[in-house]
């Protein structure tokens, strides 16, 4: 099985052979080193690899059911409109919220929860440098977000999605410390960079039973994208349910 432990053992074996017995020429060693770095990068940037930590990206144990998730909110303008659409279709979703965004929009977070949606931890800052933070700083970010959420809904989230879907040993360690379920996706909509038609074409092509779809509720384009997606899922006899029900896990402690 491809994971960090097995890769490190394999690399150390090659290193011992090279240094101890001079059986590998420097060129071959550099090739192996390059492959090693490439595999580490793959494990870090592809959340579905389960390289550093187990991540839920899809499930086969379902009957024409899917889940939709929203990242990077709550947003004062877009999130309420997303909630209006979900309410109109009587659909429950999961919102992976950023701590400093919650602090600016506490009433919206309460509405998310009160309307039956799930709230997950998406770090406090969502910094582009998050995966370079120390273990202590990562853990502080996660705990700060958990504390804000707990203050508002009296529950601590068990669902965590790392910023940008990037993982590493320190993020994995912090996640294990807090006993999170790590959540990825099998369909990344790219709704922040593509137009409505491109997003829907991309999602429709990949959508199937058991899918976890990633959208964003901090970009106004989702308002025109979401109804079309929901109608398509309904026409395909796919039922949209909350993530905890799809994966059969607890959303909160």
C-alpha atoms as a PDB file:
ATOM      1  CA  UNK A   1       0.000   0.000   0.000  1.00  0.00           C
ATOM      2  CA  UNK A   2       1.336   3.420  -0.949  1.00  0.00           C
ATOM      3  CA  UNK A   3       1.783   5.523   2.178  1.00  0.00           C
ATOM      4  CA  UNK A   4       4.437   7.644   3.847  1.00  0.00           C
ATOM      5  CA  UNK A   5       5.723   4.812   6.072  1.00  0.00           C
ATOM      6  CA  UNK A   6       6.289   2.385   3.194  1.00  0.00           C
ATOM      7  CA  UNK A   7       7.854   5.046   0.990  1.00  0.00           C
ATOM      8  CA  UNK A   8      10.304   6.059   3.736  1.00  0.00           C
ATOM      9  CA  UNK A   9      11.310   2.437   4.331  1.00  0.00           C
ATOM     10  CA  UNK A  10      11.852   1.915   0.613  1.00  0.00           C
ATOM     11  CA  UNK A  11      13.899   5.091   0.316  1.00  0.00           C
ATOM     12  CA  UNK A  12      16.083   4.161   3.295  1.00  0.00           C
ATOM     13  CA  UNK A  13      16.818   0.754   1.784  1.00  0.00           C
ATOM     14  CA  UNK A  14      18.017   2.380  -1.426  1.00  0.00           C
ATOM     15  CA  UNK A  15      20.029   4.912   0.549  1.00  0.00           C
ATOM     16  CA  UNK A  16      21.792   2.185   2.562  1.00  0.00           C
ATOM     17  CA  UNK A  17      22.631   0.280  -0.596  1.00  0.00           C
ATOM     18  CA  UNK A  18      24.091   3.405  -2.135  1.00  0.00           C
ATOM     19  CA  UNK A  19      26.131   4.554   0.853  1.00  0.00           C
ATOM     20  CA  UNK A  20      27.128   1.143   2.207  1.00  0.00           C
ATOM     21  CA  UNK A  21      27.887  -0.902  -0.858  1.00  0.00           C
ATOM     22  CA  UNK A  22      28.215   1.667  -3.649  1.00  0.00           C
ATOM     23  CA  UNK A  23      25.813  -0.378  -5.756  1.00  0.00           C
ATOM     24  CA  UNK A  24      23.953   2.608  -7.099  1.00  0.00           C
ATOM     25  CA  UNK A  25      25.565   5.236  -9.239  1.00  0.00           C
ATOM     26  CA  UNK A  26      24.942   8.875  -8.419  1.00  0.00           C
ATOM     27  CA  UNK A  27      22.707   9.244 -11.484  1.00  0.00           C
ATOM     28  CA  UNK A  28      20.437   6.462 -10.326  1.00  0.00           C
ATOM     29  CA  UNK A  29      20.397   7.892  -6.837  1.00  0.00           C
ATOM     30  CA  UNK A  30      19.258  11.274  -8.180  1.00  0.00           C
ATOM     31  CA  UNK A  31      16.528   9.580 -10.197  1.00  0.00           C
ATOM     32  CA  UNK A  32      15.313   7.782  -7.077  1.00  0.00           C
ATOM     33  CA  UNK A  33      15.481  11.013  -5.070  1.00  0.00           C
ATOM     34  CA  UNK A  34      13.437  12.811  -7.725  1.00  0.00           C
ATOM     35  CA  UNK A  35      10.835  10.056  -7.709  1.00  0.00           C
ATOM     36  CA  UNK A  36      10.725  10.176  -3.924  1.00  0.00           C
ATOM     37  CA  UNK A  37      10.097  13.934  -3.919  1.00  0.00           C
ATOM     38  CA  UNK A  38       7.482  13.522  -6.646  1.00  0.00           C
ATOM     39  CA  UNK A  39       5.609  10.898  -4.643  1.00  0.00           C
ATOM     40  CA  UNK A  40       5.667  13.121  -1.541  1.00  0.00           C
ATOM     41  CA  UNK A  41       4.248  15.995  -3.607  1.00  0.00           C
ATOM     42  CA  UNK A  42       1.529  13.726  -4.988  1.00  0.00           C
ATOM     43  CA  UNK A  43       0.634  12.613  -1.477  1.00  0.00           C
ATOM     44  CA  UNK A  44       0.499  16.208  -0.259  1.00  0.00           C
ATOM     45  CA  UNK A  45      -1.527  17.802  -3.036  1.00  0.00           C
ATOM     46  CA  UNK A  46      -3.939  14.976  -3.910  1.00  0.00           C
ATOM     47  CA  UNK A  47      -6.199  14.679  -0.890  1.00  0.00           C
ATOM     48  CA  UNK A  48      -7.698  11.439  -2.153  1.00  0.00           C
ATOM     49  CA  UNK A  49      -4.345   9.663  -1.946  1.00  0.00           C
ATOM     50  CA  UNK A  50      -4.767   8.964   1.807  1.00  0.00           C
ATOM     51  CA  UNK A  51      -0.996   9.356   1.926  1.00  0.00           C
ATOM     52  CA  UNK A  52      -0.646  11.131   5.263  1.00  0.00           C
ATOM     53  CA  UNK A  53      -4.095  10.567   6.747  1.00  0.00           C
ATOM     54  CA  UNK A  54      -7.304   8.752   5.980  1.00  0.00           C
ATOM     55  CA  UNK A  55      -9.652  11.019   4.048  1.00  0.00           C
ATOM     56  CA  UNK A  56     -13.274  10.487   3.035  1.00  0.00           C
ATOM     57  CA  UNK A  57     -13.660  11.523  -0.615  1.00  0.00           C
ATOM     58  CA  UNK A  58     -16.317   9.120  -1.891  1.00  0.00           C
ATOM     59  CA  UNK A  59     -18.374   6.176  -0.738  1.00  0.00           C
ATOM     60  CA  UNK A  60     -19.676   3.084  -2.486  1.00  0.00           C
ATOM     61  CA  UNK A  61     -22.026   2.241   0.378  1.00  0.00           C
ATOM     62  CA  UNK A  62     -24.980   4.279  -0.808  1.00  0.00           C
ATOM     63  CA  UNK A  63     -28.137   4.013  -2.849  1.00  0.00           C
ATOM     64  CA  UNK A  64     -28.172   6.813  -5.414  1.00  0.00           C
ATOM     65  CA  UNK A  65     -27.168   9.333  -2.755  1.00  0.00           C
ATOM     66  CA  UNK A  66     -24.660  12.184  -2.961  1.00  0.00           C
ATOM     67  CA  UNK A  67     -23.530  15.105  -0.798  1.00  0.00           C
ATOM     68  CA  UNK A  68     -22.702  18.701  -1.593  1.00  0.00           C
ATOM     69  CA  UNK A  69     -20.191  20.698   0.423  1.00  0.00           C
ATOM     70  CA  UNK A  70     -19.316  24.377   0.519  1.00  0.00           C
ATOM     71  CA  UNK A  71     -15.919  25.818   1.460  1.00  0.00           C
ATOM     72  CA  UNK A  72     -14.537  29.179   2.571  1.00  0.00           C
ATOM     73  CA  UNK A  73     -17.598  30.801   4.106  1.00  0.00           C
ATOM     74  CA  UNK A  74     -19.640  32.042   5.709  1.00  0.00           C
ATOM     75  CA  UNK A  75     -19.939  34.997   3.356  1.00  0.00           C
ATOM     76  CA  UNK A  76     -22.285  37.843   4.273  1.00  0.00           C
ATOM     77  CA  UNK A  77     -23.749  38.139   0.764  1.00  0.00           C
ATOM     78  CA  UNK A  78     -23.459  34.739  -0.906  1.00  0.00           C
ATOM     79  CA  UNK A  79     -24.072  32.259   1.923  1.00  0.00           C
ATOM     80  CA  UNK A  80     -27.624  33.501   2.725  1.00  0.00           C
ATOM     81  CA  UNK A  81     -28.539  33.144  -0.960  1.00  0.00           C
ATOM     82  CA  UNK A  82     -27.124  29.610  -0.996  1.00  0.00           C
ATOM     83  CA  UNK A  83     -29.197  28.818   2.083  1.00  0.00           C
ATOM     84  CA  UNK A  84     -32.312  30.203   0.389  1.00  0.00           C
ATOM     85  CA  UNK A  85     -31.786  27.876  -2.578  1.00  0.00           C
ATOM     86  CA  UNK A  86     -31.169  24.848  -0.365  1.00  0.00           C
ATOM     87  CA  UNK A  87     -34.284  25.660   1.648  1.00  0.00           C
ATOM     88  CA  UNK A  88     -36.375  25.955  -1.509  1.00  0.00           C
ATOM     89  CA  UNK A  89     -35.347  22.439  -2.577  1.00  0.00           C
ATOM     90  CA  UNK A  90     -35.355  21.046   0.989  1.00  0.00           C
ATOM     91  CA  UNK A  91     -31.720  19.939   0.728  1.00  0.00           C
ATOM     92  CA  UNK A  92     -29.146  19.616   3.485  1.00  0.00           C
ATOM     93  CA  UNK A  93     -25.484  20.408   2.800  1.00  0.00           C
ATOM     94  CA  UNK A  94     -22.186  20.670   4.665  1.00  0.00           C
ATOM     95  CA  UNK A  95     -20.381  23.977   5.145  1.00  0.00           C
ATOM     96  CA  UNK A  96     -16.650  23.922   5.899  1.00  0.00           C
ATOM     97  CA  UNK A  97     -16.220  27.286   7.557  1.00  0.00           C
ATOM     98  CA  UNK A  98     -13.190  29.485   8.153  1.00  0.00           C
ATOM     99  CA  UNK A  99     -12.850  30.710  11.723  1.00  0.00           C
ATOM    100  CA  UNK A 100     -12.180  34.373  10.974  1.00  0.00           C
ATOM    101  CA  UNK A 101     -15.144  34.410   8.563  1.00  0.00           C
ATOM    102  CA  UNK A 102     -17.412  32.993  11.255  1.00  0.00           C
ATOM    103  CA  UNK A 103     -16.332  35.771  13.620  1.00  0.00           C
ATOM    104  CA  UNK A 104     -17.619  38.292  11.057  1.00  0.00           C
ATOM    105  CA  UNK A 105     -20.871  36.430  10.341  1.00  0.00           C
ATOM    106  CA  UNK A 106     -22.036  34.740  13.531  1.00  0.00           C
ATOM    107  CA  UNK A 107     -25.747  35.031  12.705  1.00  0.00           C
ATOM    108  CA  UNK A 108     -25.192  33.292   9.365  1.00  0.00           C
ATOM    109  CA  UNK A 109     -23.414  30.380  11.025  1.00  0.00           C
ATOM    110  CA  UNK A 110     -26.330  30.016  13.419  1.00  0.00           C
ATOM    111  CA  UNK A 111     -28.723  30.011  10.466  1.00  0.00           C
ATOM    112  CA  UNK A 112     -26.678  27.278   8.754  1.00  0.00           C
ATOM    113  CA  UNK A 113     -26.984  25.109  11.830  1.00  0.00           C
ATOM    114  CA  UNK A 114     -30.612  25.965  12.639  1.00  0.00           C
ATOM    115  CA  UNK A 115     -31.692  25.013   9.108  1.00  0.00           C
ATOM    116  CA  UNK A 116     -30.246  21.532   9.540  1.00  0.00           C
ATOM    117  CA  UNK A 117     -26.960  21.803   7.669  1.00  0.00           C
ATOM    118  CA  UNK A 118     -23.646  20.453   8.928  1.00  0.00           C
ATOM    119  CA  UNK A 119     -20.755  22.719   9.961  1.00  0.00           C
ATOM    120  CA  UNK A 120     -17.138  21.594   9.587  1.00  0.00           C
ATOM    121  CA  UNK A 121     -13.745  23.073  10.458  1.00  0.00           C
ATOM    122  CA  UNK A 122     -11.756  24.622   7.598  1.00  0.00           C
ATOM    123  CA  UNK A 123      -9.015  26.284   9.731  1.00  0.00           C
ATOM    124  CA  UNK A 124      -9.078  29.776  11.210  1.00  0.00           C
ATOM    125  CA  UNK A 125      -7.130  31.760   8.615  1.00  0.00           C
ATOM    126  CA  UNK A 126      -7.155  29.574   5.468  1.00  0.00           C
ATOM    127  CA  UNK A 127      -3.687  30.986   4.893  1.00  0.00           C
ATOM    128  CA  UNK A 128      -1.819  30.033   1.726  1.00  0.00           C
ATOM    129  CA  UNK A 129       1.020  29.154   4.096  1.00  0.00           C
ATOM    130  CA  UNK A 130      -1.120  26.874   6.278  1.00  0.00           C
ATOM    131  CA  UNK A 131       0.722  23.708   5.228  1.00  0.00           C
ATOM    132  CA  UNK A 132       4.031  25.367   6.246  1.00  0.00           C
ATOM    133  CA  UNK A 133       2.814  26.179   9.763  1.00  0.00           C
ATOM    134  CA  UNK A 134       4.275  24.453  12.802  1.00  0.00           C
ATOM    135  CA  UNK A 135       2.275  21.722  14.488  1.00  0.00           C
ATOM    136  CA  UNK A 136       1.455  24.057  17.363  1.00  0.00           C
ATOM    137  CA  UNK A 137       0.197  26.789  15.059  1.00  0.00           C
ATOM    138  CA  UNK A 138      -1.920  24.375  13.027  1.00  0.00           C
ATOM    139  CA  UNK A 139      -3.475  22.960  16.189  1.00  0.00           C
ATOM    140  CA  UNK A 140      -4.136  26.462  17.530  1.00  0.00           C
ATOM    141  CA  UNK A 141      -5.962  27.376  14.314  1.00  0.00           C
ATOM    142  CA  UNK A 142      -8.145  24.292  14.475  1.00  0.00           C
ATOM    143  CA  UNK A 143      -8.914  24.754  18.162  1.00  0.00           C
ATOM    144  CA  UNK A 144      -9.721  28.436  17.728  1.00  0.00           C
ATOM    145  CA  UNK A 145     -12.229  27.615  14.990  1.00  0.00           C
ATOM    146  CA  UNK A 146     -13.730  24.790  17.043  1.00  0.00           C
ATOM    147  CA  UNK A 147     -14.140  27.154  19.990  1.00  0.00           C
ATOM    148  CA  UNK A 148     -15.921  29.774  17.902  1.00  0.00           C
ATOM    149  CA  UNK A 149     -18.293  27.170  16.488  1.00  0.00           C
ATOM    150  CA  UNK A 150     -18.934  25.693  19.949  1.00  0.00           C
ATOM    151  CA  UNK A 151     -19.734  29.119  21.352  1.00  0.00           C
ATOM    152  CA  UNK A 152     -22.431  29.611  18.704  1.00  0.00           C
ATOM    153  CA  UNK A 153     -24.050  26.163  18.411  1.00  0.00           C
ATOM    154  CA  UNK A 154     -22.845  24.414  21.584  1.00  0.00           C
ATOM    155  CA  UNK A 155     -21.294  21.583  19.547  1.00  0.00           C
ATOM    156  CA  UNK A 156     -17.745  20.807  18.480  1.00  0.00           C
ATOM    157  CA  UNK A 157     -17.324  19.715  14.848  1.00  0.00           C
ATOM    158  CA  UNK A 158     -15.734  16.384  14.011  1.00  0.00           C
ATOM    159  CA  UNK A 159     -15.442  17.083  10.277  1.00  0.00           C
ATOM    160  CA  UNK A 160     -12.260  18.768   9.030  1.00  0.00           C
ATOM    161  CA  UNK A 161     -11.235  19.767   5.534  1.00  0.00           C
ATOM    162  CA  UNK A 162      -7.661  21.100   5.223  1.00  0.00           C
ATOM    163  CA  UNK A 163      -7.255  24.378   3.313  1.00  0.00           C
ATOM    164  CA  UNK A 164      -6.721  23.807  -0.416  1.00  0.00           C
ATOM    165  CA  UNK A 165      -6.941  20.063   0.248  1.00  0.00           C
ATOM    166  CA  UNK A 166      -3.222  19.974   1.056  1.00  0.00           C
ATOM    167  CA  UNK A 167      -2.013  17.482   3.662  1.00  0.00           C
ATOM    168  CA  UNK A 168       1.291  16.782   5.400  1.00  0.00           C
ATOM    169  CA  UNK A 169       2.498  14.970   8.547  1.00  0.00           C
ATOM    170  CA  UNK A 170       1.887  17.966  10.832  1.00  0.00           C
ATOM    171  CA  UNK A 171      -1.660  18.524   9.579  1.00  0.00           C
ATOM    172  CA  UNK A 172      -2.276  14.806  10.000  1.00  0.00           C
ATOM    173  CA  UNK A 173      -0.920  14.908  13.567  1.00  0.00           C
ATOM    174  CA  UNK A 174      -3.144  17.859  14.481  1.00  0.00           C
ATOM    175  CA  UNK A 175      -6.189  16.195  12.947  1.00  0.00           C
ATOM    176  CA  UNK A 176      -5.566  12.998  14.901  1.00  0.00           C
ATOM    177  CA  UNK A 177      -5.117  15.014  18.081  1.00  0.00           C
ATOM    178  CA  UNK A 178      -8.625  16.437  17.658  1.00  0.00           C
ATOM    179  CA  UNK A 179     -10.149  13.134  16.491  1.00  0.00           C
ATOM    180  CA  UNK A 180     -11.480  14.580  13.247  1.00  0.00           C
ATOM    181  CA  UNK A 181     -12.936  12.814  10.268  1.00  0.00           C
ATOM    182  CA  UNK A 182     -10.933  14.250   7.354  1.00  0.00           C
ATOM    183  CA  UNK A 183     -13.124  15.163   4.404  1.00  0.00           C
ATOM    184  CA  UNK A 184     -12.069  15.556   0.797  1.00  0.00           C
ATOM    185  CA  UNK A 185     -14.083  15.253  -2.401  1.00  0.00           C
ATOM    186  CA  UNK A 186     -14.209  13.271  -5.609  1.00  0.00           C
ATOM    187  CA  UNK A 187     -15.625  16.151  -7.666  1.00  0.00           C
ATOM    188  CA  UNK A 188     -13.935  19.536  -7.518  1.00  0.00           C
ATOM    189  CA  UNK A 189     -16.262  21.900  -9.340  1.00  0.00           C
ATOM    190  CA  UNK A 190     -13.681  24.666  -9.909  1.00  0.00           C
ATOM    191  CA  UNK A 191     -16.575  27.103  -9.472  1.00  0.00           C
ATOM    192  CA  UNK A 192     -14.203  29.888  -8.436  1.00  0.00           C
ATOM    193  CA  UNK A 193     -12.325  29.927 -11.753  1.00  0.00           C
ATOM    194  CA  UNK A 194     -14.693  28.567 -14.431  1.00  0.00           C
ATOM    195  CA  UNK A 195     -17.955  29.927 -15.817  1.00  0.00           C
ATOM    196  CA  UNK A 196     -21.350  28.389 -15.119  1.00  0.00           C
ATOM    197  CA  UNK A 197     -21.453  26.169 -18.213  1.00  0.00           C
ATOM    198  CA  UNK A 198     -17.916  24.880 -17.672  1.00  0.00           C
ATOM    199  CA  UNK A 199     -18.628  24.085 -14.025  1.00  0.00           C
ATOM    200  CA  UNK A 200     -21.861  22.249 -14.737  1.00  0.00           C
ATOM    201  CA  UNK A 201     -20.346  20.303 -17.647  1.00  0.00           C
ATOM    202  CA  UNK A 202     -17.454  19.261 -15.432  1.00  0.00           C
ATOM    203  CA  UNK A 203     -19.666  18.182 -12.538  1.00  0.00           C
ATOM    204  CA  UNK A 204     -22.286  16.414 -14.664  1.00  0.00           C
ATOM    205  CA  UNK A 205     -19.597  14.356 -16.372  1.00  0.00           C
ATOM    206  CA  UNK A 206     -18.266  13.016 -13.052  1.00  0.00           C
ATOM    207  CA  UNK A 207     -21.378  12.858 -10.897  1.00  0.00           C
ATOM    208  CA  UNK A 208     -22.419   9.414  -9.639  1.00  0.00           C
ATOM    209  CA  UNK A 209     -23.861   7.731  -6.586  1.00  0.00           C
ATOM    210  CA  UNK A 210     -21.622   8.262  -3.557  1.00  0.00           C
ATOM    211  CA  UNK A 211     -20.077  11.502  -4.822  1.00  0.00           C
ATOM    212  CA  UNK A 212     -18.927  14.335  -2.577  1.00  0.00           C
ATOM    213  CA  UNK A 213     -19.034  17.586  -4.548  1.00  0.00           C
ATOM    214  CA  UNK A 214     -16.986  20.652  -3.647  1.00  0.00           C
ATOM    215  CA  UNK A 215     -18.523  24.096  -4.179  1.00  0.00           C
ATOM    216  CA  UNK A 216     -17.750  27.485  -2.587  1.00  0.00           C
ATOM    217  CA  UNK A 217     -20.172  29.813  -0.834  1.00  0.00           C
ATOM    218  CA  UNK A 218     -17.926  32.862  -1.068  1.00  0.00           C
ATOM    219  CA  UNK A 219     -18.317  33.363  -4.815  1.00  0.00           C
ATOM    220  CA  UNK A 220     -21.482  34.810  -6.331  1.00  0.00           C
ATOM    221  CA  UNK A 221     -21.329  32.457  -9.350  1.00  0.00           C
ATOM    222  CA  UNK A 222     -22.606  29.618  -7.177  1.00  0.00           C
ATOM    223  CA  UNK A 223     -26.029  31.291  -7.050  1.00  0.00           C
ATOM    224  CA  UNK A 224     -26.621  30.562 -10.734  1.00  0.00           C
ATOM    225  CA  UNK A 225     -24.784  27.231 -10.692  1.00  0.00           C
ATOM    226  CA  UNK A 226     -26.502  25.587  -7.727  1.00  0.00           C
ATOM    227  CA  UNK A 227     -30.112  25.348  -9.027  1.00  0.00           C
ATOM    228  CA  UNK A 228     -28.946  23.791 -12.293  1.00  0.00           C
ATOM    229  CA  UNK A 229     -26.879  21.241 -10.414  1.00  0.00           C
ATOM    230  CA  UNK A 230     -29.743  20.331  -8.086  1.00  0.00           C
ATOM    231  CA  UNK A 231     -32.200  19.946 -10.972  1.00  0.00           C
ATOM    232  CA  UNK A 232     -29.754  17.691 -12.821  1.00  0.00           C
ATOM    233  CA  UNK A 233     -29.247  15.500  -9.746  1.00  0.00           C
ATOM    234  CA  UNK A 234     -33.000  15.203  -9.237  1.00  0.00           C
ATOM    235  CA  UNK A 235     -33.531  14.226 -12.893  1.00  0.00           C
ATOM    236  CA  UNK A 236     -30.841  11.537 -12.484  1.00  0.00           C
ATOM    237  CA  UNK A 237     -32.674  10.161  -9.429  1.00  0.00           C
ATOM    238  CA  UNK A 238     -29.777  11.140  -7.174  1.00  0.00           C
ATOM    239  CA  UNK A 239     -30.794  12.116  -3.666  1.00  0.00           C
ATOM    240  CA  UNK A 240     -28.744  14.877  -2.027  1.00  0.00           C
ATOM    241  CA  UNK A 241     -28.221  14.146   1.673  1.00  0.00           C
ATOM    242  CA  UNK A 242     -26.000  15.526   4.422  1.00  0.00           C
ATOM    243  CA  UNK A 243     -22.421  14.313   4.615  1.00  0.00           C
ATOM    244  CA  UNK A 244     -22.752  12.585   7.965  1.00  0.00           C
ATOM    245  CA  UNK A 245     -25.622  10.472   6.629  1.00  0.00           C
ATOM    246  CA  UNK A 246     -23.806   9.695   3.389  1.00  0.00           C
ATOM    247  CA  UNK A 247     -20.651   8.547   5.186  1.00  0.00           C
ATOM    248  CA  UNK A 248     -22.454   7.208   8.276  1.00  0.00           C
ATOM    249  CA  UNK A 249     -20.263   9.182  10.682  1.00  0.00           C
ATOM    250  CA  UNK A 250     -20.903  11.669  13.485  1.00  0.00           C
ATOM    251  CA  UNK A 251     -20.711  15.337  12.529  1.00  0.00           C
ATOM    252  CA  UNK A 252     -20.209  16.592  16.091  1.00  0.00           C
ATOM    253  CA  UNK A 253     -18.837  15.418  19.414  1.00  0.00           C
END
